[in-house]
Amino acid sequence: MALETWLAFFIACWVISLSPGAGAVASMSAGLQYGFWRGYWNAVGLQLGLALQIAIVAAGVGAVLATSAMAFSLIKWFGVAYLVYLGYKQWKALPSDLTADAAERPIGRPLTLMLRGFLVNSSNPKAIVFMLAVLPQFIDMHAPLLPQYLLMGVTMILVDLIVMAGYTGLASHVLRALRTPRQQRLMNRSFAALFVAAAGLLATVKRAAV
């Protein structure tokens, strides 16, 4: 891949990652509930989901998804249901006692948070179709494809890790300012509404006509 092509792709990655979406909401929610270091496991899970999406596109399976109404709908509605579930869990989350020792605060298990992030990204068929349309534009068809997809995958994941670190860290700093149960409850329900809004947006997505 030529340097100028990679630089163009690198810039595109920042634009894509910074665009607010379900991944950003999930990262901020995890940072708010568990703090930066624990909540960042959610971002790791997001990247596993992103890696799966890139692998699907590289393997050509994304083209099948783009043309299969049933496959598209199944993944889409699973994603909608999961985002609504996350919204429900966030709504019901109990306020933390910020005056207690850290050991008494809510502790999310790394594997659970990773699975949560993985499901958020992997259950978005629109992202796969989007990458199916975008990634080939940066591919040199006269050069080996695997190294190019690997380079783009590593680039996308590293950029997204940095961006999600920002979202997680921002929310974890907000946590320090929430001293009363009422403030925490209001913030939890605000994030619950964002999860449901993301589910609503995903529900409106339709498969592109072929």
N, C-alpha and C. Protein backbone atom coordinates (compact mmCIF):
# COMPACT_ATOMS: atom_id res chain seq x y z
N MET A 1 0.84 -1.19 0.00
CA MET A 1 0.00 0.00 0.00
C MET A 1 0.89 1.25 0.00
N ALA A 2 0.62 2.15 -0.92
CA ALA A 2 1.40 3.38 -1.02
C ALA A 2 1.18 4.25 0.22
N LEU A 3 2.21 5.02 0.58
CA LEU A 3 2.15 5.84 1.79
C LEU A 3 0.99 6.82 1.73
N GLU A 4 0.79 7.47 0.57
CA GLU A 4 -0.28 8.46 0.48
C GLU A 4 -1.66 7.81 0.62
N THR A 5 -1.79 6.56 0.15
CA THR A 5 -3.05 5.84 0.31
C THR A 5 -3.30 5.52 1.78
N TRP A 6 -2.23 5.08 2.46
CA TRP A 6 -2.37 4.77 3.88
C TRP A 6 -2.71 6.02 4.69
N LEU A 7 -2.08 7.14 4.36
CA LEU A 7 -2.37 8.38 5.09
C LEU A 7 -3.83 8.79 4.90
N ALA A 8 -4.35 8.64 3.70
CA ALA A 8 -5.76 8.96 3.46
C ALA A 8 -6.66 8.04 4.28
N PHE A 9 -6.30 6.76 4.34
CA PHE A 9 -7.07 5.81 5.13
C PHE A 9 -6.96 6.13 6.62
N PHE A 10 -5.77 6.53 7.05
CA PHE A 10 -5.53 6.88 8.45
C PHE A 10 -6.44 8.03 8.87
N ILE A 11 -6.55 9.03 8.04
CA ILE A 11 -7.43 10.17 8.33
C ILE A 11 -8.89 9.73 8.36
N ALA A 12 -9.27 8.87 7.41
CA ALA A 12 -10.64 8.36 7.38
C ALA A 12 -10.97 7.59 8.65
N CYS A 13 -9.99 6.85 9.18
CA CYS A 13 -10.21 6.10 10.42
C CYS A 13 -10.55 7.01 11.59
N TRP A 14 -9.85 8.15 11.67
CA TRP A 14 -10.14 9.09 12.75
C TRP A 14 -11.55 9.66 12.63
N VAL A 15 -11.92 9.99 11.41
CA VAL A 15 -13.28 10.54 11.19
C VAL A 15 -14.33 9.52 11.58
N ILE A 16 -14.12 8.25 11.16
CA ILE A 16 -15.09 7.20 11.46
C ILE A 16 -15.17 6.94 12.97
N SER A 17 -14.01 6.84 13.63
CA SER A 17 -14.00 6.51 15.06
C SER A 17 -14.57 7.63 15.92
N LEU A 18 -14.30 8.88 15.53
CA LEU A 18 -14.78 10.01 16.32
C LEU A 18 -16.28 10.25 16.16
N SER A 19 -16.87 9.69 15.11
CA SER A 19 -18.31 9.85 14.91
C SER A 19 -19.05 9.12 16.03
N PRO A 20 -19.92 9.82 16.76
CA PRO A 20 -20.63 9.18 17.88
C PRO A 20 -21.48 8.01 17.39
N GLY A 21 -21.45 6.93 18.14
CA GLY A 21 -22.23 5.75 17.80
C GLY A 21 -22.39 4.87 19.02
N ALA A 22 -22.88 3.66 18.79
CA ALA A 22 -23.12 2.74 19.90
C ALA A 22 -21.82 2.41 20.64
N GLY A 23 -20.70 2.31 19.91
CA GLY A 23 -19.42 2.02 20.55
C GLY A 23 -19.00 3.12 21.50
N ALA A 24 -19.19 4.37 21.08
CA ALA A 24 -18.84 5.50 21.95
C ALA A 24 -19.72 5.52 23.19
N VAL A 25 -21.02 5.26 23.01
CA VAL A 25 -21.94 5.23 24.15
C VAL A 25 -21.53 4.12 25.12
N ALA A 26 -21.20 2.94 24.57
CA ALA A 26 -20.80 1.81 25.42
C ALA A 26 -19.52 2.13 26.18
N SER A 27 -18.57 2.81 25.52
CA SER A 27 -17.32 3.18 26.18
C SER A 27 -17.54 4.17 27.31
N MET A 28 -18.37 5.18 27.06
CA MET A 28 -18.64 6.17 28.10
C MET A 28 -19.42 5.54 29.25
N SER A 29 -20.33 4.65 28.92
CA SER A 29 -21.10 3.97 29.96
C SER A 29 -20.18 3.13 30.85
N ALA A 30 -19.24 2.40 30.24
CA ALA A 30 -18.31 1.58 31.01
C ALA A 30 -17.40 2.45 31.87
N GLY A 31 -16.93 3.56 31.30
CA GLY A 31 -16.08 4.47 32.08
C GLY A 31 -16.83 5.08 33.24
N LEU A 32 -18.10 5.39 33.03
CA LEU A 32 -18.91 5.99 34.09
C LEU A 32 -19.14 5.00 35.23
N GLN A 33 -19.40 3.74 34.89
CA GLN A 33 -19.72 2.74 35.90
C GLN A 33 -18.50 2.20 36.64
N TYR A 34 -17.40 2.00 35.89
CA TYR A 34 -16.29 1.24 36.46
C TYR A 34 -14.97 2.02 36.52
N GLY A 35 -14.94 3.25 36.01
CA GLY A 35 -13.68 3.96 35.96
C GLY A 35 -12.91 3.59 34.70
N PHE A 36 -11.78 4.27 34.49
CA PHE A 36 -11.07 4.10 33.22
C PHE A 36 -10.46 2.71 33.05
N TRP A 37 -9.64 2.27 33.98
CA TRP A 37 -8.87 1.05 33.76
C TRP A 37 -9.76 -0.18 33.66
N ARG A 38 -10.77 -0.26 34.49
CA ARG A 38 -11.68 -1.40 34.41
C ARG A 38 -12.61 -1.26 33.21
N GLY A 39 -13.13 -0.05 33.00
CA GLY A 39 -14.06 0.17 31.90
C GLY A 39 -13.44 0.02 30.53
N TYR A 40 -12.10 0.16 30.45
CA TYR A 40 -11.44 0.10 29.14
C TYR A 40 -11.48 -1.30 28.54
N TRP A 41 -11.76 -2.32 29.35
CA TRP A 41 -11.92 -3.67 28.79
C TRP A 41 -13.06 -3.70 27.77
N ASN A 42 -14.05 -2.83 27.94
CA ASN A 42 -15.13 -2.73 26.96
C ASN A 42 -14.57 -2.33 25.60
N ALA A 43 -13.61 -1.39 25.59
CA ALA A 43 -13.01 -0.95 24.33
C ALA A 43 -12.23 -2.07 23.67
N VAL A 44 -11.59 -2.92 24.48
CA VAL A 44 -10.88 -4.08 23.92
C VAL A 44 -11.88 -5.00 23.22
N GLY A 45 -13.03 -5.21 23.84
CA GLY A 45 -14.07 -6.01 23.21
C GLY A 45 -14.59 -5.39 21.92
N LEU A 46 -14.71 -4.06 21.92
CA LEU A 46 -15.12 -3.37 20.69
C LEU A 46 -14.16 -3.67 19.55
N GLN A 47 -12.87 -3.72 19.86
CA GLN A 47 -11.87 -3.96 18.82
C GLN A 47 -11.93 -5.41 18.32
N LEU A 48 -12.27 -6.34 19.20
CA LEU A 48 -12.45 -7.72 18.75
C LEU A 48 -13.61 -7.81 17.77
N GLY A 49 -14.67 -7.06 18.06
CA GLY A 49 -15.79 -7.01 17.14
C GLY A 49 -15.41 -6.35 15.82
N LEU A 50 -14.61 -5.29 15.90
CA LEU A 50 -14.14 -4.61 14.69
C LEU A 50 -13.25 -5.54 13.87
N ALA A 51 -12.37 -6.29 14.54
CA ALA A 51 -11.51 -7.23 13.83
C ALA A 51 -12.33 -8.29 13.11
N LEU A 52 -13.41 -8.75 13.76
CA LEU A 52 -14.29 -9.72 13.11
C LEU A 52 -14.94 -9.13 11.87
N GLN A 53 -15.39 -7.89 11.97
CA GLN A 53 -16.01 -7.24 10.81
C GLN A 53 -15.03 -7.11 9.65
N ILE A 54 -13.80 -6.72 9.95
CA ILE A 54 -12.78 -6.59 8.90
C ILE A 54 -12.50 -7.95 8.27
N ALA A 55 -12.41 -8.99 9.11
CA ALA A 55 -12.16 -10.33 8.59
C ALA A 55 -13.30 -10.79 7.70
N ILE A 56 -14.53 -10.46 8.06
CA ILE A 56 -15.69 -10.82 7.25
C ILE A 56 -15.62 -10.16 5.88
N VAL A 57 -15.25 -8.88 5.88
CA VAL A 57 -15.14 -8.15 4.61
C VAL A 57 -13.99 -8.72 3.78
N ALA A 58 -12.85 -8.98 4.41
CA ALA A 58 -11.69 -9.50 3.69
C ALA A 58 -11.96 -10.88 3.11
N ALA A 59 -12.77 -11.68 3.81
CA ALA A 59 -13.09 -13.03 3.33
C ALA A 59 -14.16 -13.04 2.26
N GLY A 60 -14.79 -11.91 2.03
CA GLY A 60 -15.83 -11.84 1.01
C GLY A 60 -17.21 -12.17 1.53
N VAL A 61 -17.30 -12.54 2.82
CA VAL A 61 -18.60 -12.87 3.38
C VAL A 61 -19.48 -11.63 3.50
N GLY A 62 -18.84 -10.47 3.62
CA GLY A 62 -19.60 -9.23 3.71
C GLY A 62 -20.49 -9.00 2.51
N ALA A 63 -20.03 -9.46 1.35
CA ALA A 63 -20.84 -9.31 0.14
C ALA A 63 -22.12 -10.14 0.24
N VAL A 64 -22.01 -11.31 0.87
CA VAL A 64 -23.19 -12.15 1.06
C VAL A 64 -24.17 -11.47 2.01
N LEU A 65 -23.63 -10.90 3.10
CA LEU A 65 -24.47 -10.20 4.05
C LEU A 65 -25.18 -9.02 3.40
N ALA A 66 -24.46 -8.32 2.52
CA ALA A 66 -25.03 -7.15 1.87
C ALA A 66 -26.18 -7.51 0.94
N THR A 67 -26.21 -8.75 0.45
CA THR A 67 -27.24 -9.15 -0.50
C THR A 67 -28.28 -10.08 0.12
N SER A 68 -28.09 -10.50 1.36
CA SER A 68 -29.03 -11.41 2.02
C SER A 68 -29.90 -10.63 2.99
N ALA A 69 -31.17 -10.48 2.64
CA ALA A 69 -32.08 -9.74 3.50
C ALA A 69 -32.26 -10.43 4.84
N MET A 70 -32.33 -11.77 4.84
CA MET A 70 -32.55 -12.49 6.09
C MET A 70 -31.36 -12.35 7.03
N ALA A 71 -30.13 -12.55 6.51
CA ALA A 71 -28.94 -12.44 7.35
C ALA A 71 -28.82 -11.03 7.91
N PHE A 72 -29.07 -10.04 7.05
CA PHE A 72 -28.98 -8.65 7.49
C PHE A 72 -29.97 -8.38 8.61
N SER A 73 -31.22 -8.83 8.44
CA SER A 73 -32.26 -8.57 9.44
C SER A 73 -31.98 -9.29 10.75
N LEU A 74 -31.51 -10.53 10.67
CA LEU A 74 -31.23 -11.28 11.90
C LEU A 74 -30.18 -10.59 12.75
N ILE A 75 -29.08 -10.17 12.11
CA ILE A 75 -28.02 -9.50 12.85
C ILE A 75 -28.49 -8.14 13.35
N LYS A 76 -29.23 -7.43 12.51
CA LYS A 76 -29.71 -6.10 12.90
C LYS A 76 -30.61 -6.16 14.13
N TRP A 77 -31.58 -7.05 14.12
CA TRP A 77 -32.53 -7.09 15.24
C TRP A 77 -31.90 -7.66 16.50
N PHE A 78 -30.90 -8.51 16.34
CA PHE A 78 -30.15 -8.94 17.52
C PHE A 78 -29.44 -7.73 18.13
N GLY A 79 -28.83 -6.91 17.27
CA GLY A 79 -28.16 -5.70 17.75
C GLY A 79 -29.11 -4.74 18.42
N VAL A 80 -30.30 -4.56 17.84
CA VAL A 80 -31.31 -3.69 18.44
C VAL A 80 -31.69 -4.19 19.83
N ALA A 81 -31.97 -5.50 19.92
CA ALA A 81 -32.37 -6.08 21.21
C ALA A 81 -31.26 -5.94 22.25
N TYR A 82 -30.02 -6.13 21.82
CA TYR A 82 -28.91 -6.06 22.77
C TYR A 82 -28.70 -4.63 23.28
N LEU A 83 -28.83 -3.65 22.41
CA LEU A 83 -28.69 -2.26 22.83
C LEU A 83 -29.81 -1.85 23.79
N VAL A 84 -31.02 -2.34 23.52
CA VAL A 84 -32.13 -2.07 24.45
C VAL A 84 -31.86 -2.72 25.80
N TYR A 85 -31.32 -3.94 25.78
CA TYR A 85 -30.96 -4.63 27.02
C TYR A 85 -29.91 -3.83 27.81
N LEU A 86 -28.89 -3.32 27.10
CA LEU A 86 -27.88 -2.50 27.77
C LEU A 86 -28.50 -1.24 28.36
N GLY A 87 -29.47 -0.66 27.63
CA GLY A 87 -30.17 0.51 28.15
C GLY A 87 -30.93 0.19 29.42
N TYR A 88 -31.59 -0.97 29.44
CA TYR A 88 -32.32 -1.40 30.63
C TYR A 88 -31.39 -1.60 31.82
N LYS A 89 -30.24 -2.26 31.55
CA LYS A 89 -29.28 -2.50 32.63
C LYS A 89 -28.73 -1.17 33.17
N GLN A 90 -28.49 -0.22 32.26
CA GLN A 90 -27.97 1.08 32.69
C GLN A 90 -29.02 1.83 33.50
N TRP A 91 -30.26 1.74 33.10
CA TRP A 91 -31.36 2.42 33.80
C TRP A 91 -31.49 1.88 35.23
N LYS A 92 -31.30 0.57 35.38
CA LYS A 92 -31.48 -0.08 36.68
C LYS A 92 -30.20 -0.04 37.54
N ALA A 93 -29.09 0.46 36.97
CA ALA A 93 -27.83 0.48 37.71
C ALA A 93 -27.98 1.29 39.00
N LEU A 94 -27.45 0.75 40.08
CA LEU A 94 -27.56 1.43 41.37
C LEU A 94 -26.44 2.46 41.53
N PRO A 95 -26.72 3.57 42.18
CA PRO A 95 -25.67 4.57 42.44
C PRO A 95 -24.54 3.97 43.27
N SER A 96 -23.32 4.45 43.04
CA SER A 96 -22.16 3.97 43.80
C SER A 96 -21.95 4.85 45.03
N ASP A 97 -21.45 4.23 46.06
CA ASP A 97 -21.06 4.99 47.25
C ASP A 97 -19.63 5.47 47.05
N LEU A 98 -19.47 6.70 46.59
CA LEU A 98 -18.14 7.21 46.26
C LEU A 98 -17.32 7.56 47.49
N THR A 99 -17.91 7.43 48.65
CA THR A 99 -17.13 7.68 49.86
C THR A 99 -16.57 6.38 50.42
N ALA A 100 -16.98 5.26 49.84
CA ALA A 100 -16.51 3.97 50.32
C ALA A 100 -15.18 3.63 49.69
N ASP A 101 -14.55 2.59 50.21
CA ASP A 101 -13.30 2.12 49.64
C ASP A 101 -13.55 1.60 48.25
N ALA A 102 -12.48 1.62 47.41
CA ALA A 102 -12.61 1.18 46.03
C ALA A 102 -13.11 -0.25 45.95
N ALA A 103 -12.75 -1.08 46.94
CA ALA A 103 -13.15 -2.48 46.90
C ALA A 103 -14.65 -2.64 47.01
N GLU A 104 -15.35 -1.63 47.53
CA GLU A 104 -16.79 -1.72 47.71
C GLU A 104 -17.55 -1.17 46.52
N ARG A 105 -16.87 -0.60 45.58
CA ARG A 105 -17.53 -0.05 44.40
C ARG A 105 -17.80 -1.15 43.39
N PRO A 106 -18.73 -0.90 42.43
CA PRO A 106 -19.03 -1.93 41.44
C PRO A 106 -17.78 -2.32 40.66
N ILE A 107 -17.55 -3.61 40.52
CA ILE A 107 -16.38 -4.10 39.79
C ILE A 107 -16.86 -4.95 38.62
N GLY A 108 -16.59 -4.50 37.42
CA GLY A 108 -16.97 -5.27 36.25
C GLY A 108 -15.88 -6.28 35.90
N ARG A 109 -16.29 -7.48 35.57
CA ARG A 109 -15.32 -8.51 35.18
C ARG A 109 -14.80 -8.20 33.78
N PRO A 110 -13.47 -8.30 33.59
CA PRO A 110 -12.90 -7.99 32.27
C PRO A 110 -13.54 -8.77 31.13
N LEU A 111 -13.75 -10.07 31.31
CA LEU A 111 -14.33 -10.88 30.24
C LEU A 111 -15.75 -10.45 29.93
N THR A 112 -16.51 -10.08 30.97
CA THR A 112 -17.88 -9.62 30.76
C THR A 112 -17.90 -8.32 29.98
N LEU A 113 -17.01 -7.40 30.34
CA LEU A 113 -16.95 -6.12 29.64
C LEU A 113 -16.46 -6.29 28.21
N MET A 114 -15.49 -7.21 28.01
CA MET A 114 -15.02 -7.47 26.65
C MET A 114 -16.14 -8.06 25.80
N LEU A 115 -16.90 -8.99 26.35
CA LEU A 115 -18.01 -9.58 25.61
C LEU A 115 -19.06 -8.53 25.27
N ARG A 116 -19.30 -7.64 26.20
CA ARG A 116 -20.26 -6.55 25.98
C ARG A 116 -19.83 -5.69 24.79
N GLY A 117 -18.56 -5.28 24.78
CA GLY A 117 -18.07 -4.48 23.66
C GLY A 117 -18.08 -5.25 22.36
N PHE A 118 -17.69 -6.52 22.42
CA PHE A 118 -17.67 -7.35 21.21
C PHE A 118 -19.06 -7.45 20.59
N LEU A 119 -20.08 -7.67 21.41
CA LEU A 119 -21.44 -7.81 20.89
C LEU A 119 -21.96 -6.50 20.32
N VAL A 120 -21.58 -5.38 20.94
CA VAL A 120 -22.03 -4.07 20.43
C VAL A 120 -21.53 -3.86 19.00
N ASN A 121 -20.26 -4.15 18.74
CA ASN A 121 -19.71 -3.93 17.40
C ASN A 121 -20.11 -5.02 16.41
N SER A 122 -20.05 -6.27 16.84
CA SER A 122 -20.28 -7.37 15.90
C SER A 122 -21.74 -7.51 15.49
N SER A 123 -22.67 -6.91 16.25
CA SER A 123 -24.09 -7.04 15.93
C SER A 123 -24.61 -5.86 15.11
N ASN A 124 -23.70 -5.16 14.45
CA ASN A 124 -24.10 -4.02 13.61
C ASN A 124 -23.81 -4.35 12.14
N PRO A 125 -24.80 -4.88 11.41
CA PRO A 125 -24.55 -5.26 10.02
C PRO A 125 -24.25 -4.07 9.13
N LYS A 126 -24.77 -2.90 9.49
CA LYS A 126 -24.52 -1.70 8.69
C LYS A 126 -23.02 -1.39 8.66
N ALA A 127 -22.32 -1.65 9.77
CA ALA A 127 -20.88 -1.40 9.81
C ALA A 127 -20.15 -2.29 8.83
N ILE A 128 -20.58 -3.55 8.72
CA ILE A 128 -19.94 -4.47 7.78
C ILE A 128 -20.18 -4.01 6.35
N VAL A 129 -21.42 -3.65 6.05
CA VAL A 129 -21.74 -3.17 4.70
C VAL A 129 -20.99 -1.88 4.41
N PHE A 130 -20.87 -1.01 5.42
CA PHE A 130 -20.13 0.24 5.25
C PHE A 130 -18.67 -0.04 4.91
N MET A 131 -18.05 -0.95 5.67
CA MET A 131 -16.65 -1.28 5.40
C MET A 131 -16.49 -1.97 4.06
N LEU A 132 -17.50 -2.73 3.66
CA LEU A 132 -17.47 -3.39 2.36
C LEU A 132 -17.41 -2.35 1.24
N ALA A 133 -18.03 -1.20 1.49
CA ALA A 133 -18.02 -0.13 0.49
C ALA A 133 -16.77 0.73 0.58
N VAL A 134 -16.20 0.87 1.80
CA VAL A 134 -15.08 1.80 2.00
C VAL A 134 -13.72 1.15 1.81
N LEU A 135 -13.48 0.00 2.43
CA LEU A 135 -12.14 -0.60 2.42
C LEU A 135 -11.60 -0.86 1.02
N PRO A 136 -12.41 -1.41 0.10
CA PRO A 136 -11.85 -1.69 -1.24
C PRO A 136 -11.33 -0.46 -1.97
N GLN A 137 -11.80 0.74 -1.58
CA GLN A 137 -11.34 1.95 -2.24
C GLN A 137 -9.86 2.22 -1.96
N PHE A 138 -9.33 1.64 -0.88
CA PHE A 138 -7.93 1.85 -0.52
C PHE A 138 -7.07 0.63 -0.87
N ILE A 139 -7.65 -0.34 -1.53
CA ILE A 139 -6.95 -1.58 -1.86
C ILE A 139 -6.34 -1.49 -3.26
N ASP A 140 -5.08 -1.92 -3.38
CA ASP A 140 -4.43 -2.06 -4.68
C ASP A 140 -4.66 -3.49 -5.15
N MET A 141 -5.52 -3.66 -6.13
CA MET A 141 -5.90 -4.99 -6.58
C MET A 141 -4.75 -5.72 -7.28
N HIS A 142 -3.69 -5.01 -7.62
CA HIS A 142 -2.53 -5.63 -8.28
C HIS A 142 -1.47 -6.08 -7.28
N ALA A 143 -1.72 -5.85 -5.99
CA ALA A 143 -0.79 -6.26 -4.94
C ALA A 143 -1.49 -7.31 -4.07
N PRO A 144 -0.70 -8.09 -3.30
CA PRO A 144 -1.31 -9.08 -2.40
C PRO A 144 -2.33 -8.43 -1.47
N LEU A 145 -3.51 -9.05 -1.34
CA LEU A 145 -4.60 -8.44 -0.58
C LEU A 145 -4.44 -8.61 0.94
N LEU A 146 -3.98 -9.77 1.37
CA LEU A 146 -3.91 -10.05 2.81
C LEU A 146 -3.08 -9.02 3.57
N PRO A 147 -1.85 -8.70 3.13
CA PRO A 147 -1.07 -7.69 3.87
C PRO A 147 -1.78 -6.34 3.93
N GLN A 148 -2.49 -5.98 2.87
CA GLN A 148 -3.19 -4.70 2.86
C GLN A 148 -4.34 -4.69 3.86
N TYR A 149 -5.11 -5.78 3.90
CA TYR A 149 -6.20 -5.85 4.87
C TYR A 149 -5.67 -5.88 6.30
N LEU A 150 -4.54 -6.56 6.50
CA LEU A 150 -3.94 -6.60 7.83
C LEU A 150 -3.49 -5.21 8.27
N LEU A 151 -2.86 -4.47 7.35
CA LEU A 151 -2.41 -3.12 7.67
C LEU A 151 -3.59 -2.21 7.98
N MET A 152 -4.64 -2.30 7.18
CA MET A 152 -5.82 -1.47 7.44
C MET A 152 -6.51 -1.86 8.74
N GLY A 153 -6.55 -3.17 9.00
CA GLY A 153 -7.17 -3.62 10.25
C GLY A 153 -6.42 -3.12 11.47
N VAL A 154 -5.10 -3.23 11.45
CA VAL A 154 -4.29 -2.74 12.58
C VAL A 154 -4.46 -1.24 12.74
N THR A 155 -4.49 -0.52 11.62
CA THR A 155 -4.65 0.94 11.67
C THR A 155 -5.99 1.32 12.29
N MET A 156 -7.06 0.69 11.81
CA MET A 156 -8.39 1.00 12.34
C MET A 156 -8.49 0.69 13.82
N ILE A 157 -7.94 -0.44 14.23
CA ILE A 157 -8.06 -0.86 15.63
C ILE A 157 -7.25 0.06 16.54
N LEU A 158 -6.03 0.43 16.14
CA LEU A 158 -5.22 1.32 16.97
C LEU A 158 -5.87 2.69 17.11
N VAL A 159 -6.39 3.22 16.02
CA VAL A 159 -7.06 4.52 16.08
C VAL A 159 -8.29 4.44 16.99
N ASP A 160 -9.06 3.38 16.83
CA ASP A 160 -10.28 3.25 17.63
C ASP A 160 -9.96 3.04 19.11
N LEU A 161 -8.87 2.34 19.40
CA LEU A 161 -8.46 2.18 20.80
C LEU A 161 -8.15 3.54 21.43
N ILE A 162 -7.50 4.41 20.68
CA ILE A 162 -7.17 5.74 21.19
C ILE A 162 -8.44 6.56 21.41
N VAL A 163 -9.33 6.52 20.43
CA VAL A 163 -10.57 7.30 20.53
C VAL A 163 -11.44 6.80 21.68
N MET A 164 -11.58 5.47 21.79
CA MET A 164 -12.40 4.92 22.87
C MET A 164 -11.76 5.15 24.24
N ALA A 165 -10.42 5.26 24.28
CA ALA A 165 -9.77 5.64 25.52
C ALA A 165 -10.20 7.04 25.94
N GLY A 166 -10.33 7.91 24.95
CA GLY A 166 -10.79 9.27 25.23
C GLY A 166 -12.21 9.29 25.77
N TYR A 167 -13.11 8.52 25.13
CA TYR A 167 -14.49 8.47 25.58
C TYR A 167 -14.58 7.86 26.99
N THR A 168 -13.84 6.76 27.21
CA THR A 168 -13.87 6.09 28.52
C THR A 168 -13.30 7.00 29.60
N GLY A 169 -12.17 7.64 29.29
CA GLY A 169 -11.54 8.53 30.27
C GLY A 169 -12.41 9.73 30.59
N LEU A 170 -13.07 10.28 29.58
CA LEU A 170 -13.95 11.43 29.81
C LEU A 170 -15.06 11.05 30.79
N ALA A 171 -15.68 9.89 30.56
CA ALA A 171 -16.77 9.47 31.44
C ALA A 171 -16.27 9.14 32.83
N SER A 172 -15.06 8.55 32.94
CA SER A 172 -14.53 8.21 34.26
C SER A 172 -14.24 9.46 35.08
N HIS A 173 -13.87 10.56 34.42
CA HIS A 173 -13.67 11.82 35.14
C HIS A 173 -15.00 12.42 35.58
N VAL A 174 -16.03 12.20 34.76
CA VAL A 174 -17.36 12.66 35.15
C VAL A 174 -17.79 11.94 36.43
N LEU A 175 -17.43 10.65 36.54
CA LEU A 175 -17.79 9.85 37.71
C LEU A 175 -17.32 10.54 39.01
N ARG A 176 -16.15 11.14 38.99
CA ARG A 176 -15.60 11.77 40.20
C ARG A 176 -16.43 12.98 40.64
N ALA A 177 -17.15 13.56 39.68
CA ALA A 177 -17.95 14.74 40.01
C ALA A 177 -19.35 14.38 40.49
N LEU A 178 -19.73 13.12 40.34
CA LEU A 178 -21.07 12.70 40.74
C LEU A 178 -21.04 12.21 42.18
N ARG A 179 -21.37 13.09 43.09
CA ARG A 179 -21.22 12.77 44.51
C ARG A 179 -22.52 12.29 45.15
N THR A 180 -23.66 12.59 44.56
CA THR A 180 -24.92 12.21 45.18
C THR A 180 -25.60 11.10 44.38
N PRO A 181 -26.39 10.26 45.03
CA PRO A 181 -27.13 9.22 44.32
C PRO A 181 -28.03 9.79 43.22
N ARG A 182 -28.62 10.96 43.48
CA ARG A 182 -29.51 11.56 42.49
C ARG A 182 -28.75 11.91 41.22
N GLN A 183 -27.55 12.48 41.35
CA GLN A 183 -26.74 12.83 40.18
C GLN A 183 -26.35 11.57 39.40
N GLN A 184 -25.95 10.53 40.13
CA GLN A 184 -25.55 9.30 39.46
C GLN A 184 -26.74 8.64 38.75
N ARG A 185 -27.89 8.66 39.42
CA ARG A 185 -29.09 8.06 38.81
C ARG A 185 -29.47 8.81 37.53
N LEU A 186 -29.37 10.13 37.57
CA LEU A 186 -29.68 10.92 36.39
C LEU A 186 -28.73 10.60 35.24
N MET A 187 -27.43 10.46 35.56
CA MET A 187 -26.45 10.14 34.52
C MET A 187 -26.69 8.73 33.97
N ASN A 188 -26.96 7.78 34.84
CA ASN A 188 -27.23 6.41 34.38
C ASN A 188 -28.43 6.38 33.43
N ARG A 189 -29.46 7.11 33.77
CA ARG A 189 -30.66 7.10 32.93
C ARG A 189 -30.45 7.87 31.63
N SER A 190 -29.56 8.85 31.67
CA SER A 190 -29.21 9.54 30.42
C SER A 190 -28.51 8.59 29.46
N PHE A 191 -27.58 7.77 29.99
CA PHE A 191 -26.90 6.79 29.14
C PHE A 191 -27.86 5.70 28.70
N ALA A 192 -28.81 5.34 29.55
CA ALA A 192 -29.82 4.36 29.16
C ALA A 192 -30.60 4.88 27.95
N ALA A 193 -30.95 6.16 27.99
CA ALA A 193 -31.66 6.76 26.87
C ALA A 193 -30.81 6.76 25.60
N LEU A 194 -29.50 6.98 25.75
CA LEU A 194 -28.60 6.95 24.59
C LEU A 194 -28.52 5.56 23.98
N PHE A 195 -28.49 4.52 24.82
CA PHE A 195 -28.48 3.16 24.31
C PHE A 195 -29.77 2.87 23.52
N VAL A 196 -30.90 3.28 24.07
CA VAL A 196 -32.17 3.04 23.38
C VAL A 196 -32.24 3.85 22.09
N ALA A 197 -31.69 5.08 22.12
CA ALA A 197 -31.65 5.89 20.90
C ALA A 197 -30.80 5.21 19.82
N ALA A 198 -29.65 4.65 20.24
CA ALA A 198 -28.80 3.93 19.29
C ALA A 198 -29.53 2.71 18.72
N ALA A 199 -30.31 2.03 19.59
CA ALA A 199 -31.11 0.90 19.12
C ALA A 199 -32.15 1.36 18.11
N GLY A 200 -32.77 2.51 18.38
CA GLY A 200 -33.76 3.05 17.45
C GLY A 200 -33.15 3.38 16.10
N LEU A 201 -31.94 3.97 16.11
CA LEU A 201 -31.28 4.28 14.85
C LEU A 201 -30.94 3.02 14.08
N LEU A 202 -30.46 1.99 14.79
CA LEU A 202 -30.12 0.73 14.13
C LEU A 202 -31.37 0.08 13.55
N ALA A 203 -32.50 0.22 14.24
CA ALA A 203 -33.74 -0.38 13.76
C ALA A 203 -34.20 0.23 12.45
N THR A 204 -33.82 1.49 12.19
CA THR A 204 -34.26 2.15 10.95
C THR A 204 -33.37 1.82 9.76
N VAL A 205 -32.23 1.16 10.03
CA VAL A 205 -31.30 0.84 8.94
C VAL A 205 -31.91 -0.20 8.02
N LYS A 206 -31.80 0.04 6.74
CA LYS A 206 -32.32 -0.89 5.75
C LYS A 206 -31.18 -1.35 4.85
N ARG A 207 -31.31 -2.56 4.38
CA ARG A 207 -30.30 -3.11 3.46
C ARG A 207 -30.35 -2.34 2.15
N ALA A 208 -29.19 -1.99 1.64
CA ALA A 208 -29.12 -1.25 0.38
C ALA A 208 -29.69 -2.10 -0.75
N ALA A 209 -30.41 -1.46 -1.63
CA ALA A 209 -30.98 -2.17 -2.78
C ALA A 209 -29.87 -2.67 -3.69
N VAL A 210 -30.05 -3.87 -4.23
CA VAL A 210 -29.05 -4.45 -5.13
C VAL A 210 -29.67 -4.72 -6.47
